[in-house]
Amino acid sequence: MTSTPDVVPETTTTDPRLPAAPDTIAVYTDLNCSFAHVAVHRLHETRRRLGLEGRVWFDFRAFPLELFNREVNARPGVDSEISVLGSLEPEAGWQLWQGPDWTYPVTTLPALEAVHAAKSQSWHASEQLDRALRRAFWAQGRCISQRHVILEVAEETGAVDVPLLAAALDSGTARPAIMAQYDSARDGRVNCSPHVFLHDGTDAANPGIRARWINGGFGSGYPYIDEDRPEIYEKLLRQAAELL
């Protein structure tokens, strides 16, 4: 049986990128990043396999691509990644977008806010909402830009106090934290989505994967995986556990 901490600690380290406690792994991601979808799936599955659930927690931080790129994370680029990244971790859940173009998510900021707001309930609530929102977008084709969709997904987790989350979304209490996370990631301090940080300063950008684009960049070409070493997740989880 695992326990969930009642209070998520504030960051006390002088480096805002690092998690506040040794039992926590900070994970900078965006929700509509395919590489992050692979990484989050591997983090959860590796933690479960190692028996570290309830001992090591994931602090999901916002790496909002729409703010870094000053534009929507374009559907052609996202679509081009699905078959390539989906083949690495098919169980994560993938599907090409089936709805009309005008129903495609234009922003992930509200969903990122929801994931952060859920931390006030528990790490577990935040983790489950983050993972469920990823599956809602990647596997189910749901528009996670919309408030009602975010709350429906939260309800489906069975781990989130939905009225409390709705109140946080409606009051905007999580937005300052999201912007602080964005600021902490700027100027090359966080390389990409995903980028993982341990309490001792260990970090890994796009853990285990080296990729390049062929026949053009994001939105015109497609990614090619030069190297994939999923075993790095076991190393990261074991190292976090040893810090306890």
Foldseek 3Di string as FASTA:
>chain_A
DADWDAAQDDADDPQVQEGNDLQEKEKEAFLLDLLLLLVLVLLVVLCVVVVCVNRHFYHYAYQWPCVVVVFFQDLLLSVLACVVSCVVPVVSAADRADDDPVQAARGCVLLNLLLNQQVNRTRVLSSLLSSLSSNCVGHVNHHNNDPVVSLVSSVVSVRGPSVSSSVCSVVVVSVVRNVVRNVSPPPPNQPHHTKMAGNVGDIDHSPQWDWDWDPDDRNGTHIDTPTGDSCVSNVVNVVSSVSD
